[in-house]
Amino acid sequence: MRARAARLDRLRRANITVYRLVPSVIADYWLDCTGSVADGEFLDRYMRMLVQEDED
């Protein structure tokens, strides 16, 4: 569980780092989810979706 949380934290920080270089969006076709990296609520929701998908 801890390793998963660490991976998600790294993914989140990587997305934010890319966004700082160039405005970016996440388009996850598998989860049917699209949103701006700048939208903190979207990013939180997306990370929760990844956890749920990983658990299924």
Protein backbone atom coordinates (compact mmCIF):
# COMPACT_ATOMS: atom_id res chain seq x y z
CA MET A 1 0.00 0.00 0.00
CA ARG A 2 2.79 2.40 0.88
CA ALA A 3 4.60 1.70 -2.37
CA ARG A 4 1.41 2.44 -4.32
CA ALA A 5 0.95 5.74 -2.49
CA ALA A 6 4.56 6.67 -3.23
CA ARG A 7 4.12 5.87 -6.94
CA LEU A 8 0.95 7.96 -7.14
CA ASP A 9 2.68 10.84 -5.38
CA ARG A 10 5.55 10.69 -7.90
CA LEU A 11 3.05 10.56 -10.78
CA ARG A 12 1.18 13.56 -9.39
CA ARG A 13 4.39 15.57 -8.94
CA ALA A 14 5.60 14.60 -12.43
CA ASN A 15 2.34 15.79 -13.98
CA ILE A 16 2.57 19.09 -12.09
CA THR A 17 6.21 19.52 -13.18
CA VAL A 18 5.27 19.01 -16.83
CA TYR A 19 2.36 21.43 -16.41
CA ARG A 20 4.76 24.10 -15.15
CA LEU A 21 6.71 23.75 -18.40
CA VAL A 22 3.64 23.67 -20.65
CA PRO A 23 -0.07 23.68 -19.79
CA SER A 24 -1.18 20.06 -19.86
CA VAL A 25 -4.21 17.85 -19.61
CA ILE A 26 -4.67 14.22 -18.69
CA ALA A 27 -6.64 12.20 -21.22
CA ASP A 28 -7.05 8.68 -19.84
CA TYR A 29 -9.07 6.74 -22.35
CA TRP A 30 -9.16 3.56 -20.22
CA LEU A 31 -10.83 5.44 -17.36
CA ASP A 32 -12.81 7.71 -19.70
CA CYS A 33 -11.44 10.72 -17.86
CA THR A 34 -10.07 14.05 -19.09
CA GLY A 35 -9.05 17.13 -17.18
CA SER A 36 -6.50 19.86 -16.65
CA VAL A 37 -3.48 19.17 -14.46
CA ALA A 38 -4.02 22.66 -13.02
CA ASP A 39 -7.39 21.58 -11.61
CA GLY A 40 -6.52 20.24 -8.15
CA GLU A 41 -9.95 18.70 -7.63
CA PHE A 42 -9.67 16.84 -10.93
CA LEU A 43 -6.18 15.62 -10.08
CA ASP A 44 -7.36 14.34 -6.68
CA ARG A 45 -10.32 12.57 -8.28
CA TYR A 46 -8.08 11.08 -10.99
CA MET A 47 -5.61 9.73 -8.44
CA ARG A 48 -8.49 8.11 -6.53
CA MET A 49 -9.68 6.55 -9.78
CA LEU A 50 -6.23 5.09 -10.39
CA VAL A 51 -6.20 3.56 -6.92
CA GLN A 52 -9.66 2.07 -7.45
CA GLU A 53 -8.66 0.69 -10.85
CA ASP A 54 -5.53 -0.84 -9.35
CA GLU A 55 -7.58 -2.55 -6.63
CA ASP A 56 -10.07 -4.09 -9.09
